[in-house]
């Protein structure tokens, strides 16, 4: 429709409406790319949130970390889309730097300033808990894997007329034979 309007107004020669339509048509790919950035980032944010939710579900605050990661991806995508649309690039760049400074600055000050010893204690406590829970988590992961794998295969050999049928059961390397009557 925009192309047809541009052609129709182009008949009258160079005019402001033709220039406006030409600029709008030239801007359409930027809108398409910005929408594509947001859609792909939303899918990635959703996948990361689901993955981290399942990985950190048992950890206290794990759901909050998972949601925070998804939101961080969406914020980054919003800044990328605004940059693609060339909407107030100086303001967007300034906001991006301010956001990074607001997030990273307090962490640097807290950890580097007076929080070195408390952070060491938190880290030691977290690693000791992880070492204690490691065998439990490993066992939980192995149980569903063993349950989904068939452990017994039954083979029945047909017996000739008047004979007794033999059934063989193989249980992951162990063989046991038993007889049953027809």
C-alpha atoms as a PDB file:
ATOM      1  CA  UNK A   1       0.000   0.000   0.000  1.00  0.00           C
ATOM      2  CA  UNK A   2       2.850   2.366   0.817  1.00  0.00           C
ATOM      3  CA  UNK A   3       4.527   1.610  -2.501  1.00  0.00           C
ATOM      4  CA  UNK A   4       1.319   2.380  -4.384  1.00  0.00           C
ATOM      5  CA  UNK A   5       0.887   5.634  -2.464  1.00  0.00           C
ATOM      6  CA  UNK A   6       4.472   6.583  -3.210  1.00  0.00           C
ATOM      7  CA  UNK A   7       3.939   5.961  -6.929  1.00  0.00           C
ATOM      8  CA  UNK A   8       0.665   7.880  -6.911  1.00  0.00           C
ATOM      9  CA  UNK A   9       2.166  10.921  -5.216  1.00  0.00           C
ATOM     10  CA  UNK A  10       5.310  10.631  -7.363  1.00  0.00           C
ATOM     11  CA  UNK A  11       3.239  11.467 -10.428  1.00  0.00           C
ATOM     12  CA  UNK A  12       2.927  15.023  -9.157  1.00  0.00           C
ATOM     13  CA  UNK A  13       6.704  15.373  -8.954  1.00  0.00           C
ATOM     14  CA  UNK A  14       8.819  15.887  -5.901  1.00  0.00           C
ATOM     15  CA  UNK A  15       6.583  16.761  -2.979  1.00  0.00           C
ATOM     16  CA  UNK A  16       6.726  16.427   0.815  1.00  0.00           C
ATOM     17  CA  UNK A  17       4.315  13.481   0.935  1.00  0.00           C
ATOM     18  CA  UNK A  18       6.429  11.469  -1.537  1.00  0.00           C
ATOM     19  CA  UNK A  19       9.532  12.177   0.540  1.00  0.00           C
ATOM     20  CA  UNK A  20       7.719  11.142   3.726  1.00  0.00           C
ATOM     21  CA  UNK A  21       6.554   7.884   2.132  1.00  0.00           C
ATOM     22  CA  UNK A  22      10.042   7.185   0.747  1.00  0.00           C
ATOM     23  CA  UNK A  23      11.538   7.672   4.235  1.00  0.00           C
ATOM     24  CA  UNK A  24       8.860   5.477   5.806  1.00  0.00           C
ATOM     25  CA  UNK A  25       9.462   2.693   3.296  1.00  0.00           C
ATOM     26  CA  UNK A  26      13.214   2.920   3.891  1.00  0.00           C
ATOM     27  CA  UNK A  27      12.578   2.635   7.662  1.00  0.00           C
ATOM     28  CA  UNK A  28      10.416  -0.535   7.435  1.00  0.00           C
ATOM     29  CA  UNK A  29      13.390  -2.976   7.471  1.00  0.00           C
ATOM     30  CA  UNK A  30      14.539  -1.430  10.774  1.00  0.00           C
ATOM     31  CA  UNK A  31      11.104  -2.093  12.283  1.00  0.00           C
ATOM     32  CA  UNK A  32      11.166  -5.674  10.995  1.00  0.00           C
ATOM     33  CA  UNK A  33      14.646  -6.321  12.454  1.00  0.00           C
ATOM     34  CA  UNK A  34      13.674  -4.759  15.805  1.00  0.00           C
ATOM     35  CA  UNK A  35      10.595  -6.986  16.030  1.00  0.00           C
ATOM     36  CA  UNK A  36      12.736  -9.983  15.085  1.00  0.00           C
ATOM     37  CA  UNK A  37      15.246  -9.096  17.827  1.00  0.00           C
ATOM     38  CA  UNK A  38      12.460  -8.922  20.416  1.00  0.00           C
ATOM     39  CA  UNK A  39      10.818 -12.182  19.316  1.00  0.00           C
ATOM     40  CA  UNK A  40      14.083 -14.136  19.297  1.00  0.00           C
ATOM     41  CA  UNK A  41      15.154 -12.628  22.619  1.00  0.00           C
ATOM     42  CA  UNK A  42      11.783 -13.494  24.161  1.00  0.00           C
ATOM     43  CA  UNK A  43      12.188 -17.112  23.047  1.00  0.00           C
ATOM     44  CA  UNK A  44      15.742 -17.236  24.408  1.00  0.00           C
ATOM     45  CA  UNK A  45      14.649 -15.593  27.670  1.00  0.00           C
ATOM     46  CA  UNK A  46      11.859 -18.131  28.061  1.00  0.00           C
ATOM     47  CA  UNK A  47      14.211 -21.049  27.380  1.00  0.00           C
ATOM     48  CA  UNK A  48      16.839 -19.707  29.797  1.00  0.00           C
ATOM     49  CA  UNK A  49      14.203 -19.099  32.468  1.00  0.00           C
ATOM     50  CA  UNK A  50      12.833 -22.646  32.098  1.00  0.00           C
ATOM     51  CA  UNK A  51      16.316 -24.175  32.078  1.00  0.00           C
ATOM     52  CA  UNK A  52      17.478 -22.258  35.135  1.00  0.00           C
ATOM     53  CA  UNK A  53      14.183 -22.940  36.929  1.00  0.00           C
ATOM     54  CA  UNK A  54      14.674 -26.663  36.498  1.00  0.00           C
ATOM     55  CA  UNK A  55      18.370 -26.523  37.402  1.00  0.00           C
ATOM     56  CA  UNK A  56      18.000 -24.181  40.375  1.00  0.00           C
ATOM     57  CA  UNK A  57      14.548 -25.254  41.540  1.00  0.00           C
ATOM     58  CA  UNK A  58      15.817 -26.879  44.719  1.00  0.00           C
ATOM     59  CA  UNK A  59      18.111 -23.985  45.597  1.00  0.00           C
ATOM     60  CA  UNK A  60      16.733 -21.236  47.787  1.00  0.00           C
ATOM     61  CA  UNK A  61      16.166 -18.219  45.541  1.00  0.00           C
ATOM     62  CA  UNK A  62      16.645 -20.278  42.383  1.00  0.00           C
ATOM     63  CA  UNK A  63      13.319 -19.212  40.865  1.00  0.00           C
ATOM     64  CA  UNK A  64      14.193 -15.578  41.489  1.00  0.00           C
ATOM     65  CA  UNK A  65      17.558 -16.018  39.758  1.00  0.00           C
ATOM     66  CA  UNK A  66      15.886 -17.735  36.802  1.00  0.00           C
ATOM     67  CA  UNK A  67      13.368 -14.939  36.368  1.00  0.00           C
ATOM     68  CA  UNK A  68      16.097 -12.328  36.787  1.00  0.00           C
ATOM     69  CA  UNK A  69      18.120 -13.928  33.992  1.00  0.00           C
ATOM     70  CA  UNK A  70      15.087 -13.895  31.683  1.00  0.00           C
ATOM     71  CA  UNK A  71      14.357 -10.264  32.499  1.00  0.00           C
ATOM     72  CA  UNK A  72      18.010  -9.332  31.916  1.00  0.00           C
ATOM     73  CA  UNK A  73      17.854 -10.908  28.451  1.00  0.00           C
ATOM     74  CA  UNK A  74      14.657  -9.005  27.654  1.00  0.00           C
ATOM     75  CA  UNK A  75      16.148  -5.702  28.843  1.00  0.00           C
ATOM     76  CA  UNK A  76      19.219  -6.271  26.694  1.00  0.00           C
ATOM     77  CA  UNK A  77      16.948  -7.050  23.728  1.00  0.00           C
ATOM     78  CA  UNK A  78      14.899  -3.900  24.329  1.00  0.00           C
ATOM     79  CA  UNK A  79      18.066  -1.803  24.224  1.00  0.00           C
ATOM     80  CA  UNK A  80      19.168  -3.598  21.040  1.00  0.00           C
ATOM     81  CA  UNK A  81      15.758  -3.010  19.421  1.00  0.00           C
ATOM     82  CA  UNK A  82      15.788   0.679  20.355  1.00  0.00           C
ATOM     83  CA  UNK A  83      19.277   0.953  18.924  1.00  0.00           C
ATOM     84  CA  UNK A  84      18.117  -0.740  15.711  1.00  0.00           C
ATOM     85  CA  UNK A  85      15.201   1.675  15.438  1.00  0.00           C
ATOM     86  CA  UNK A  86      17.610   4.555  15.991  1.00  0.00           C
ATOM     87  CA  UNK A  87      15.322   6.044  18.615  1.00  0.00           C
ATOM     88  CA  UNK A  88      17.252   8.611  20.655  1.00  0.00           C
ATOM     89  CA  UNK A  89      20.586   6.787  20.360  1.00  0.00           C
ATOM     90  CA  UNK A  90      22.381   9.053  22.828  1.00  0.00           C
ATOM     91  CA  UNK A  91      19.690   8.558  25.463  1.00  0.00           C
ATOM     92  CA  UNK A  92      19.546   4.790  24.899  1.00  0.00           C
ATOM     93  CA  UNK A  93      23.332   4.485  25.130  1.00  0.00           C
ATOM     94  CA  UNK A  94      23.402   6.645  28.254  1.00  0.00           C
ATOM     95  CA  UNK A  95      20.645   4.590  29.875  1.00  0.00           C
ATOM     96  CA  UNK A  96      22.496   1.391  29.021  1.00  0.00           C
ATOM     97  CA  UNK A  97      25.665   2.620  30.708  1.00  0.00           C
ATOM     98  CA  UNK A  98      23.687   3.905  33.699  1.00  0.00           C
ATOM     99  CA  UNK A  99      21.952   0.531  34.082  1.00  0.00           C
ATOM    100  CA  UNK A 100      25.260  -1.323  33.932  1.00  0.00           C
ATOM    101  CA  UNK A 101      26.782   1.059  36.473  1.00  0.00           C
ATOM    102  CA  UNK A 102      23.745   0.651  38.754  1.00  0.00           C
ATOM    103  CA  UNK A 103      24.043  -3.138  38.695  1.00  0.00           C
ATOM    104  CA  UNK A 104      27.804  -3.643  38.652  1.00  0.00           C
ATOM    105  CA  UNK A 105      28.854  -0.687  40.803  1.00  0.00           C
ATOM    106  CA  UNK A 106      27.282  -1.796  44.084  1.00  0.00           C
ATOM    107  CA  UNK A 107      28.590  -5.323  43.597  1.00  0.00           C
ATOM    108  CA  UNK A 108      32.125  -4.038  43.120  1.00  0.00           C
ATOM    109  CA  UNK A 109      31.888  -1.763  46.135  1.00  0.00           C
ATOM    110  CA  UNK A 110      30.262  -4.396  48.365  1.00  0.00           C
ATOM    111  CA  UNK A 111      32.619  -7.218  47.464  1.00  0.00           C
ATOM    112  CA  UNK A 112      35.773  -5.166  47.018  1.00  0.00           C
ATOM    113  CA  UNK A 113      35.258  -2.772  49.899  1.00  0.00           C
ATOM    114  CA  UNK A 114      34.086  -4.293  53.126  1.00  0.00           C
ATOM    115  CA  UNK A 115      32.553  -7.507  51.920  1.00  0.00           C
ATOM    116  CA  UNK A 116      35.612  -9.622  51.172  1.00  0.00           C
ATOM    117  CA  UNK A 117      35.481 -11.643  54.400  1.00  0.00           C
ATOM    118  CA  UNK A 118      31.685 -12.136  54.398  1.00  0.00           C
ATOM    119  CA  UNK A 119      31.806 -13.137  50.731  1.00  0.00           C
ATOM    120  CA  UNK A 120      34.505 -15.697  51.526  1.00  0.00           C
ATOM    121  CA  UNK A 121      32.309 -17.153  54.292  1.00  0.00           C
ATOM    122  CA  UNK A 122      29.260 -17.233  51.978  1.00  0.00           C
ATOM    123  CA  UNK A 123      31.294 -18.893  49.252  1.00  0.00           C
ATOM    124  CA  UNK A 124      32.735 -21.508  51.648  1.00  0.00           C
ATOM    125  CA  UNK A 125      29.274 -22.221  53.031  1.00  0.00           C
ATOM    126  CA  UNK A 126      27.798 -22.569  49.522  1.00  0.00           C
ATOM    127  CA  UNK A 127      30.573 -24.881  48.332  1.00  0.00           C
ATOM    128  CA  UNK A 128      30.333 -27.080  51.416  1.00  0.00           C
ATOM    129  CA  UNK A 129      26.571 -27.402  50.921  1.00  0.00           C
ATOM    130  CA  UNK A 130      27.121 -28.244  47.269  1.00  0.00           C
ATOM    131  CA  UNK A 131      29.655 -30.911  48.201  1.00  0.00           C
ATOM    132  CA  UNK A 132      27.254 -32.401  50.752  1.00  0.00           C
ATOM    133  CA  UNK A 133      24.317 -32.430  48.355  1.00  0.00           C
ATOM    134  CA  UNK A 134      26.362 -33.664  45.375  1.00  0.00           C
ATOM    135  CA  UNK A 135      25.890 -37.411  45.997  1.00  0.00           C
ATOM    136  CA  UNK A 136      22.165 -36.929  46.710  1.00  0.00           C
ATOM    137  CA  UNK A 137      21.644 -34.991  43.484  1.00  0.00           C
ATOM    138  CA  UNK A 138      23.704 -37.500  41.520  1.00  0.00           C
ATOM    139  CA  UNK A 139      21.547 -40.325  42.927  1.00  0.00           C
ATOM    140  CA  UNK A 140      18.337 -38.432  42.069  1.00  0.00           C
ATOM    141  CA  UNK A 141      19.535 -37.952  38.499  1.00  0.00           C
ATOM    142  CA  UNK A 142      20.524 -41.608  38.103  1.00  0.00           C
ATOM    143  CA  UNK A 143      17.244 -43.029  39.482  1.00  0.00           C
ATOM    144  CA  UNK A 144      14.979 -41.703  36.696  1.00  0.00           C
ATOM    145  CA  UNK A 145      17.549 -42.779  34.106  1.00  0.00           C
ATOM    146  CA  UNK A 146      17.540 -46.332  35.474  1.00  0.00           C
ATOM    147  CA  UNK A 147      13.745 -46.392  35.723  1.00  0.00           C
ATOM    148  CA  UNK A 148      13.303 -45.390  32.085  1.00  0.00           C
ATOM    149  CA  UNK A 149      15.666 -48.098  30.811  1.00  0.00           C
ATOM    150  CA  UNK A 150      14.217 -51.633  30.555  1.00  0.00           C
ATOM    151  CA  UNK A 151      16.117 -53.995  32.846  1.00  0.00           C
ATOM    152  CA  UNK A 152      14.524 -57.350  31.983  1.00  0.00           C
ATOM    153  CA  UNK A 153      14.027 -58.964  28.612  1.00  0.00           C
ATOM    154  CA  UNK A 154      11.924 -62.117  28.429  1.00  0.00           C
ATOM    155  CA  UNK A 155      12.359 -64.590  25.599  1.00  0.00           C
ATOM    156  CA  UNK A 156      10.123 -67.576  25.268  1.00  0.00           C
ATOM    157  CA  UNK A 157      11.220 -70.526  23.199  1.00  0.00           C
ATOM    158  CA  UNK A 158       8.298 -72.458  21.708  1.00  0.00           C
ATOM    159  CA  UNK A 159       8.344 -76.073  22.798  1.00  0.00           C
ATOM    160  CA  UNK A 160       7.543 -78.981  20.540  1.00  0.00           C
ATOM    161  CA  UNK A 161       4.325 -80.924  21.088  1.00  0.00           C
ATOM    162  CA  UNK A 162       4.190 -82.560  24.495  1.00  0.00           C
ATOM    163  CA  UNK A 163       7.365 -80.908  25.805  1.00  0.00           C
ATOM    164  CA  UNK A 164       7.760 -78.320  28.510  1.00  0.00           C
ATOM    165  CA  UNK A 165       8.309 -74.697  27.439  1.00  0.00           C
ATOM    166  CA  UNK A 166      11.462 -72.933  28.607  1.00  0.00           C
ATOM    167  CA  UNK A 167      11.433 -69.213  29.362  1.00  0.00           C
ATOM    168  CA  UNK A 168      14.653 -67.274  29.715  1.00  0.00           C
ATOM    169  CA  UNK A 169      14.867 -63.995  31.592  1.00  0.00           C
ATOM    170  CA  UNK A 170      17.934 -61.813  31.099  1.00  0.00           C
ATOM    171  CA  UNK A 171      18.355 -59.063  33.657  1.00  0.00           C
ATOM    172  CA  UNK A 172      21.222 -56.820  32.558  1.00  0.00           C
ATOM    173  CA  UNK A 173      23.821 -59.520  32.412  1.00  0.00           C
ATOM    174  CA  UNK A 174      22.375 -61.997  34.918  1.00  0.00           C
ATOM    175  CA  UNK A 175      20.730 -65.038  33.448  1.00  0.00           C
ATOM    176  CA  UNK A 176      18.147 -67.124  35.188  1.00  0.00           C
ATOM    177  CA  UNK A 177      16.238 -70.029  33.720  1.00  0.00           C
ATOM    178  CA  UNK A 178      12.961 -71.301  34.943  1.00  0.00           C
ATOM    179  CA  UNK A 179      10.560 -73.877  33.630  1.00  0.00           C
ATOM    180  CA  UNK A 180       6.869 -73.585  33.361  1.00  0.00           C
ATOM    181  CA  UNK A 181       4.326 -76.083  32.173  1.00  0.00           C
ATOM    182  CA  UNK A 182       2.104 -75.390  29.254  1.00  0.00           C
END
